[in-house]
Amino acid sequence: MNVTRVLGIDYGDVRIGIAVSDAMGWTAQGVETITRKTLEDDLARLKELIEKYEVSTIVLGLPKNMNGTIGPRGELSQQFAEILETTFHLPVVLWDERLSTMAAERMLVSADVSRKKRKQVVDKMAAAIILQNYLDRQQNGK
């Protein structure tokens, strides 16, 4: 069996949410939230995770405006995607992440998770939502 895990990333100014797929590519699990330091530090931690989980593809959330256009945040994600491809020599898929962070926040609120705890997990949960949406689309024949 060929194991091909997919890494999901919710890229933010302060934190980077990380999720990874199971070996079959069916489910996404939130793994961790990286608190941003320098680009070099961020990439070093991503490298460790890519090696640990034997990642073959990266799915990076692409924040779009509600009308579908790409704004400044989206442009930053596109630049980060280029850095990831150049650094890790892996395919990077930009995935529409509209509302993923809000969905994660709503889930945590409905689960009665405290505000402090939500802040710690919302990014990795958003990464898991982005990745799960991508995996679902792959399963359903694109």
N, C-alpha and C. Protein backbone atom coordinates (compact mmCIF):
# COMPACT_ATOMS: atom_id res chain seq x y z
N MET A 1 0.84 -1.19 0.00
CA MET A 1 0.00 0.00 0.00
C MET A 1 0.88 1.24 0.00
N ASN A 2 0.57 2.19 -0.86
CA ASN A 2 1.33 3.41 -0.95
C ASN A 2 0.71 4.47 -0.04
N VAL A 3 1.45 4.87 0.97
CA VAL A 3 0.96 5.86 1.92
C VAL A 3 1.24 7.25 1.36
N THR A 4 0.21 8.03 1.17
CA THR A 4 0.39 9.41 0.73
C THR A 4 -0.44 10.31 1.63
N ARG A 5 0.22 10.90 2.57
CA ARG A 5 -0.48 11.81 3.48
C ARG A 5 -0.48 13.22 2.90
N VAL A 6 -1.51 13.95 3.25
CA VAL A 6 -1.66 15.32 2.80
C VAL A 6 -1.59 16.22 4.03
N LEU A 7 -0.83 17.29 3.92
CA LEU A 7 -0.71 18.27 5.00
C LEU A 7 -1.62 19.44 4.69
N GLY A 8 -2.45 19.82 5.64
CA GLY A 8 -3.33 20.98 5.50
C GLY A 8 -2.78 22.14 6.31
N ILE A 9 -2.80 23.34 5.72
CA ILE A 9 -2.26 24.51 6.40
C ILE A 9 -3.27 25.65 6.37
N ASP A 10 -3.53 26.22 7.55
CA ASP A 10 -4.27 27.46 7.68
C ASP A 10 -3.23 28.52 8.04
N TYR A 11 -2.87 29.35 7.06
CA TYR A 11 -1.75 30.28 7.18
C TYR A 11 -2.25 31.64 7.66
N GLY A 12 -1.75 32.06 8.82
CA GLY A 12 -2.16 33.36 9.35
C GLY A 12 -0.97 34.23 9.70
N ASP A 13 -1.26 35.47 10.08
CA ASP A 13 -0.20 36.41 10.44
C ASP A 13 0.51 36.01 11.73
N VAL A 14 -0.26 35.46 12.68
CA VAL A 14 0.29 35.16 14.00
C VAL A 14 0.53 33.66 14.18
N ARG A 15 -0.37 32.84 13.63
CA ARG A 15 -0.29 31.39 13.81
C ARG A 15 -0.49 30.66 12.49
N ILE A 16 0.04 29.44 12.43
CA ILE A 16 -0.17 28.54 11.30
C ILE A 16 -0.81 27.28 11.84
N GLY A 17 -2.04 27.02 11.42
CA GLY A 17 -2.72 25.80 11.83
C GLY A 17 -2.29 24.66 10.93
N ILE A 18 -2.07 23.49 11.53
CA ILE A 18 -1.58 22.33 10.79
C ILE A 18 -2.52 21.14 11.01
N ALA A 19 -2.86 20.48 9.92
CA ALA A 19 -3.64 19.24 9.97
C ALA A 19 -2.97 18.25 9.03
N VAL A 20 -3.24 16.98 9.25
CA VAL A 20 -2.67 15.94 8.38
C VAL A 20 -3.75 14.90 8.12
N SER A 21 -3.70 14.31 6.93
CA SER A 21 -4.66 13.26 6.59
C SER A 21 -4.20 11.93 7.15
N ASP A 22 -5.13 10.98 7.23
CA ASP A 22 -4.74 9.62 7.56
C ASP A 22 -4.05 9.03 6.33
N ALA A 23 -3.49 7.84 6.48
CA ALA A 23 -2.72 7.21 5.40
C ALA A 23 -3.57 6.94 4.16
N MET A 24 -4.87 6.75 4.34
CA MET A 24 -5.77 6.47 3.21
C MET A 24 -6.24 7.75 2.51
N GLY A 25 -6.01 8.89 3.14
CA GLY A 25 -6.46 10.14 2.55
C GLY A 25 -7.96 10.37 2.71
N TRP A 26 -8.53 9.84 3.78
CA TRP A 26 -9.97 9.98 4.00
C TRP A 26 -10.33 11.03 5.03
N THR A 27 -9.55 11.09 6.12
CA THR A 27 -9.90 12.00 7.21
C THR A 27 -8.74 12.92 7.55
N ALA A 28 -9.09 14.09 8.05
CA ALA A 28 -8.11 15.09 8.46
C ALA A 28 -8.13 15.23 9.98
N GLN A 29 -6.96 15.31 10.57
CA GLN A 29 -6.85 15.55 12.00
C GLN A 29 -5.99 16.79 12.24
N GLY A 30 -6.46 17.67 13.11
CA GLY A 30 -5.65 18.81 13.51
C GLY A 30 -4.44 18.31 14.28
N VAL A 31 -3.27 18.81 13.94
CA VAL A 31 -2.03 18.31 14.56
C VAL A 31 -1.47 19.32 15.55
N GLU A 32 -1.29 20.55 15.10
CA GLU A 32 -0.72 21.56 15.99
C GLU A 32 -0.93 22.95 15.42
N THR A 33 -0.66 23.92 16.27
CA THR A 33 -0.67 25.32 15.87
C THR A 33 0.74 25.85 16.08
N ILE A 34 1.33 26.34 15.00
CA ILE A 34 2.67 26.91 15.08
C ILE A 34 2.51 28.40 15.33
N THR A 35 3.13 28.90 16.40
CA THR A 35 3.14 30.34 16.62
C THR A 35 4.27 30.90 15.77
N ARG A 36 3.91 31.82 14.87
CA ARG A 36 4.88 32.35 13.91
C ARG A 36 6.02 33.07 14.61
N LYS A 37 7.24 32.81 14.12
CA LYS A 37 8.42 33.53 14.61
C LYS A 37 9.05 34.20 13.39
N THR A 38 9.99 33.49 12.77
CA THR A 38 10.58 33.97 11.52
C THR A 38 10.19 32.98 10.43
N LEU A 39 10.29 33.39 9.19
CA LEU A 39 9.99 32.49 8.08
C LEU A 39 10.89 31.25 8.17
N GLU A 40 12.14 31.47 8.52
CA GLU A 40 13.09 30.36 8.64
C GLU A 40 12.64 29.35 9.70
N ASP A 41 12.21 29.86 10.86
CA ASP A 41 11.72 28.99 11.95
C ASP A 41 10.44 28.25 11.52
N ASP A 42 9.54 28.99 10.88
CA ASP A 42 8.27 28.40 10.44
C ASP A 42 8.53 27.25 9.45
N LEU A 43 9.42 27.49 8.50
CA LEU A 43 9.74 26.47 7.49
C LEU A 43 10.46 25.27 8.12
N ALA A 44 11.30 25.53 9.12
CA ALA A 44 12.01 24.44 9.80
C ALA A 44 11.00 23.51 10.49
N ARG A 45 9.98 24.10 11.15
CA ARG A 45 8.98 23.28 11.83
C ARG A 45 8.13 22.53 10.80
N LEU A 46 7.77 23.19 9.71
CA LEU A 46 7.01 22.51 8.65
C LEU A 46 7.80 21.35 8.08
N LYS A 47 9.10 21.54 7.90
CA LYS A 47 9.96 20.46 7.38
C LYS A 47 9.90 19.25 8.30
N GLU A 48 9.98 19.49 9.61
CA GLU A 48 9.90 18.39 10.59
C GLU A 48 8.58 17.64 10.46
N LEU A 49 7.49 18.38 10.31
CA LEU A 49 6.17 17.75 10.21
C LEU A 49 6.01 16.99 8.89
N ILE A 50 6.52 17.56 7.80
CA ILE A 50 6.45 16.91 6.49
C ILE A 50 7.21 15.58 6.53
N GLU A 51 8.37 15.57 7.16
CA GLU A 51 9.15 14.33 7.27
C GLU A 51 8.48 13.33 8.21
N LYS A 52 8.00 13.82 9.35
CA LYS A 52 7.38 12.94 10.35
C LYS A 52 6.17 12.20 9.76
N TYR A 53 5.33 12.93 9.03
CA TYR A 53 4.09 12.35 8.50
C TYR A 53 4.22 11.84 7.07
N GLU A 54 5.43 11.91 6.50
CA GLU A 54 5.67 11.45 5.13
C GLU A 54 4.67 12.05 4.15
N VAL A 55 4.62 13.35 4.16
CA VAL A 55 3.66 14.12 3.36
C VAL A 55 4.06 14.13 1.89
N SER A 56 3.07 13.95 1.01
CA SER A 56 3.34 13.98 -0.43
C SER A 56 2.70 15.20 -1.10
N THR A 57 1.74 15.82 -0.45
CA THR A 57 1.04 16.99 -1.00
C THR A 57 0.70 17.94 0.14
N ILE A 58 0.73 19.25 -0.17
CA ILE A 58 0.35 20.27 0.81
C ILE A 58 -0.89 20.97 0.29
N VAL A 59 -1.88 21.13 1.15
CA VAL A 59 -3.08 21.90 0.83
C VAL A 59 -3.04 23.15 1.70
N LEU A 60 -2.95 24.30 1.05
CA LEU A 60 -2.84 25.58 1.75
C LEU A 60 -4.13 26.36 1.56
N GLY A 61 -4.70 26.77 2.68
CA GLY A 61 -5.93 27.56 2.61
C GLY A 61 -5.70 28.87 1.88
N LEU A 62 -6.58 29.19 0.96
CA LEU A 62 -6.51 30.43 0.20
C LEU A 62 -7.70 31.29 0.60
N PRO A 63 -7.46 32.33 1.40
CA PRO A 63 -8.58 33.19 1.79
C PRO A 63 -9.02 34.05 0.61
N LYS A 64 -10.27 33.88 0.23
CA LYS A 64 -10.84 34.69 -0.84
C LYS A 64 -11.87 35.63 -0.23
N ASN A 65 -12.11 36.73 -0.92
CA ASN A 65 -13.21 37.60 -0.52
C ASN A 65 -14.51 36.87 -0.81
N MET A 66 -15.59 37.29 -0.19
CA MET A 66 -16.87 36.60 -0.36
C MET A 66 -17.32 36.61 -1.82
N ASN A 67 -16.87 37.58 -2.61
CA ASN A 67 -17.25 37.62 -4.03
C ASN A 67 -16.30 36.80 -4.90
N GLY A 68 -15.37 36.07 -4.26
CA GLY A 68 -14.48 35.17 -5.00
C GLY A 68 -13.17 35.79 -5.45
N THR A 69 -12.99 37.08 -5.22
CA THR A 69 -11.74 37.72 -5.62
C THR A 69 -10.65 37.45 -4.58
N ILE A 70 -9.40 37.67 -5.00
CA ILE A 70 -8.26 37.49 -4.12
C ILE A 70 -7.83 38.85 -3.59
N GLY A 71 -7.79 38.98 -2.26
CA GLY A 71 -7.36 40.22 -1.64
C GLY A 71 -5.93 40.09 -1.12
N PRO A 72 -5.52 41.05 -0.28
CA PRO A 72 -4.16 41.04 0.26
C PRO A 72 -3.81 39.76 1.02
N ARG A 73 -4.72 39.23 1.82
CA ARG A 73 -4.45 37.98 2.57
C ARG A 73 -4.25 36.83 1.60
N GLY A 74 -5.07 36.78 0.57
CA GLY A 74 -4.94 35.73 -0.44
C GLY A 74 -3.61 35.81 -1.17
N GLU A 75 -3.18 37.04 -1.45
CA GLU A 75 -1.90 37.23 -2.13
C GLU A 75 -0.75 36.73 -1.26
N LEU A 76 -0.85 36.97 0.05
CA LEU A 76 0.19 36.45 0.97
C LEU A 76 0.21 34.93 0.95
N SER A 77 -0.96 34.31 0.90
CA SER A 77 -1.03 32.85 0.83
C SER A 77 -0.44 32.33 -0.48
N GLN A 78 -0.69 33.03 -1.58
CA GLN A 78 -0.12 32.63 -2.86
C GLN A 78 1.40 32.71 -2.82
N GLN A 79 1.94 33.76 -2.20
CA GLN A 79 3.39 33.89 -2.07
C GLN A 79 3.96 32.77 -1.19
N PHE A 80 3.23 32.45 -0.10
CA PHE A 80 3.67 31.38 0.79
C PHE A 80 3.65 30.04 0.07
N ALA A 81 2.66 29.83 -0.79
CA ALA A 81 2.58 28.59 -1.58
C ALA A 81 3.82 28.43 -2.44
N GLU A 82 4.27 29.52 -3.07
CA GLU A 82 5.47 29.47 -3.90
C GLU A 82 6.70 29.13 -3.06
N ILE A 83 6.77 29.70 -1.86
CA ILE A 83 7.90 29.41 -0.96
C ILE A 83 7.88 27.93 -0.58
N LEU A 84 6.68 27.40 -0.26
CA LEU A 84 6.56 25.99 0.12
C LEU A 84 7.00 25.07 -1.02
N GLU A 85 6.54 25.37 -2.24
CA GLU A 85 6.91 24.54 -3.40
C GLU A 85 8.42 24.56 -3.62
N THR A 86 9.01 25.73 -3.56
CA THR A 86 10.45 25.89 -3.78
C THR A 86 11.25 25.20 -2.68
N THR A 87 10.79 25.33 -1.44
CA THR A 87 11.54 24.79 -0.30
C THR A 87 11.44 23.27 -0.20
N PHE A 88 10.20 22.74 -0.37
CA PHE A 88 9.98 21.32 -0.10
C PHE A 88 9.83 20.45 -1.34
N HIS A 89 9.76 21.07 -2.51
CA HIS A 89 9.62 20.33 -3.77
C HIS A 89 8.44 19.37 -3.74
N LEU A 90 7.34 19.85 -3.18
CA LEU A 90 6.08 19.10 -3.13
C LEU A 90 5.00 19.92 -3.81
N PRO A 91 3.99 19.24 -4.38
CA PRO A 91 2.89 20.00 -4.94
C PRO A 91 2.11 20.73 -3.83
N VAL A 92 1.77 21.98 -4.09
CA VAL A 92 0.98 22.77 -3.15
C VAL A 92 -0.33 23.13 -3.84
N VAL A 93 -1.44 22.73 -3.22
CA VAL A 93 -2.77 23.02 -3.74
C VAL A 93 -3.35 24.17 -2.93
N LEU A 94 -3.71 25.25 -3.62
CA LEU A 94 -4.39 26.35 -2.94
C LEU A 94 -5.87 26.01 -2.89
N TRP A 95 -6.46 26.04 -1.68
CA TRP A 95 -7.83 25.60 -1.48
C TRP A 95 -8.65 26.73 -0.86
N ASP A 96 -9.78 27.04 -1.48
CA ASP A 96 -10.67 28.09 -1.00
C ASP A 96 -11.03 27.81 0.46
N GLU A 97 -10.65 28.72 1.34
CA GLU A 97 -10.88 28.49 2.77
C GLU A 97 -11.96 29.40 3.33
N ARG A 98 -12.73 30.05 2.47
CA ARG A 98 -13.75 30.97 2.99
C ARG A 98 -14.57 30.31 4.08
N LEU A 99 -14.67 30.99 5.18
CA LEU A 99 -15.50 30.59 6.32
C LEU A 99 -14.95 29.43 7.15
N SER A 100 -13.79 28.87 6.81
CA SER A 100 -13.29 27.72 7.58
C SER A 100 -12.98 28.10 9.03
N THR A 101 -12.38 29.26 9.25
CA THR A 101 -12.07 29.68 10.62
C THR A 101 -13.36 29.97 11.37
N MET A 102 -14.33 30.59 10.70
CA MET A 102 -15.62 30.85 11.35
C MET A 102 -16.33 29.55 11.68
N ALA A 103 -16.25 28.56 10.80
CA ALA A 103 -16.87 27.25 11.07
C ALA A 103 -16.20 26.59 12.27
N ALA A 104 -14.88 26.66 12.33
CA ALA A 104 -14.14 26.08 13.46
C ALA A 104 -14.54 26.79 14.75
N GLU A 105 -14.61 28.10 14.71
CA GLU A 105 -14.99 28.89 15.89
C GLU A 105 -16.40 28.51 16.35
N ARG A 106 -17.33 28.38 15.40
CA ARG A 106 -18.71 28.00 15.75
C ARG A 106 -18.78 26.63 16.40
N MET A 107 -18.02 25.68 15.85
CA MET A 107 -17.99 24.33 16.43
C MET A 107 -17.49 24.38 17.87
N LEU A 108 -16.44 25.15 18.10
CA LEU A 108 -15.86 25.23 19.44
C LEU A 108 -16.80 25.93 20.42
N VAL A 109 -17.49 26.97 19.94
CA VAL A 109 -18.47 27.66 20.79
C VAL A 109 -19.61 26.71 21.14
N SER A 110 -20.11 25.98 20.16
CA SER A 110 -21.22 25.07 20.42
C SER A 110 -20.80 23.91 21.32
N ALA A 111 -19.50 23.60 21.33
CA ALA A 111 -18.99 22.56 22.23
C ALA A 111 -18.64 23.15 23.60
N ASP A 112 -18.94 24.44 23.78
CA ASP A 112 -18.74 25.14 25.05
C ASP A 112 -17.27 25.17 25.47
N VAL A 113 -16.39 25.34 24.49
CA VAL A 113 -14.96 25.46 24.77
C VAL A 113 -14.67 26.91 25.17
N SER A 114 -13.89 27.09 26.22
CA SER A 114 -13.61 28.44 26.72
C SER A 114 -12.88 29.28 25.66
N ARG A 115 -13.04 30.59 25.77
CA ARG A 115 -12.42 31.51 24.80
C ARG A 115 -10.91 31.31 24.74
N LYS A 116 -10.26 31.14 25.89
CA LYS A 116 -8.81 30.95 25.93
C LYS A 116 -8.42 29.66 25.20
N LYS A 117 -9.13 28.59 25.45
CA LYS A 117 -8.85 27.30 24.82
C LYS A 117 -9.14 27.37 23.32
N ARG A 118 -10.22 28.06 22.93
CA ARG A 118 -10.55 28.20 21.51
C ARG A 118 -9.40 28.84 20.75
N LYS A 119 -8.81 29.88 21.33
CA LYS A 119 -7.71 30.58 20.68
C LYS A 119 -6.55 29.63 20.39
N GLN A 120 -6.34 28.65 21.28
CA GLN A 120 -5.24 27.71 21.13
C GLN A 120 -5.49 26.66 20.04
N VAL A 121 -6.76 26.35 19.77
CA VAL A 121 -7.04 25.24 18.85
C VAL A 121 -7.74 25.63 17.56
N VAL A 122 -8.24 26.88 17.47
CA VAL A 122 -9.05 27.25 16.31
C VAL A 122 -8.27 27.14 15.00
N ASP A 123 -6.98 27.46 15.01
CA ASP A 123 -6.19 27.43 13.77
C ASP A 123 -5.97 26.02 13.26
N LYS A 124 -5.63 25.08 14.16
CA LYS A 124 -5.44 23.71 13.69
C LYS A 124 -6.78 23.10 13.29
N MET A 125 -7.87 23.54 13.93
CA MET A 125 -9.18 23.05 13.55
C MET A 125 -9.57 23.59 12.17
N ALA A 126 -9.26 24.86 11.92
CA ALA A 126 -9.52 25.45 10.60
C ALA A 126 -8.71 24.71 9.54
N ALA A 127 -7.46 24.36 9.86
CA ALA A 127 -6.62 23.58 8.93
C ALA A 127 -7.27 22.23 8.65
N ALA A 128 -7.83 21.61 9.68
CA ALA A 128 -8.49 20.31 9.50
C ALA A 128 -9.73 20.44 8.62
N ILE A 129 -10.48 21.54 8.77
CA ILE A 129 -11.67 21.76 7.94
C ILE A 129 -11.26 21.97 6.48
N ILE A 130 -10.23 22.78 6.27
CA ILE A 130 -9.73 23.02 4.90
C ILE A 130 -9.31 21.69 4.28
N LEU A 131 -8.52 20.92 5.02
CA LEU A 131 -8.01 19.65 4.50
C LEU A 131 -9.16 18.66 4.27
N GLN A 132 -10.10 18.58 5.21
CA GLN A 132 -11.22 17.64 5.04
C GLN A 132 -12.05 17.99 3.81
N ASN A 133 -12.27 19.28 3.57
CA ASN A 133 -13.01 19.69 2.36
C ASN A 133 -12.27 19.25 1.10
N TYR A 134 -10.96 19.40 1.10
CA TYR A 134 -10.15 18.96 -0.03
C TYR A 134 -10.24 17.44 -0.20
N LEU A 135 -10.08 16.69 0.90
CA LEU A 135 -10.13 15.23 0.83
C LEU A 135 -11.50 14.74 0.34
N ASP A 136 -12.55 15.38 0.83
CA ASP A 136 -13.90 15.01 0.41
C ASP A 136 -14.07 15.20 -1.10
N ARG A 137 -13.54 16.29 -1.61
CA ARG A 137 -13.63 16.58 -3.04
C ARG A 137 -12.86 15.53 -3.83
N GLN A 138 -11.69 15.12 -3.31
CA GLN A 138 -10.89 14.09 -3.98
C GLN A 138 -11.65 12.76 -4.02
N GLN A 139 -12.31 12.41 -2.91
CA GLN A 139 -13.06 11.16 -2.82
C GLN A 139 -14.26 11.15 -3.77
N ASN A 140 -14.85 12.32 -3.95
CA ASN A 140 -16.05 12.42 -4.77
C ASN A 140 -15.74 12.71 -6.24
N GLY A 141 -14.54 12.39 -6.63
CA GLY A 141 -14.18 12.49 -8.05
C GLY A 141 -13.94 13.89 -8.54
N LYS A 142 -13.37 14.72 -7.67
CA LYS A 142 -13.01 16.10 -8.02
C LYS A 142 -14.24 16.85 -8.47
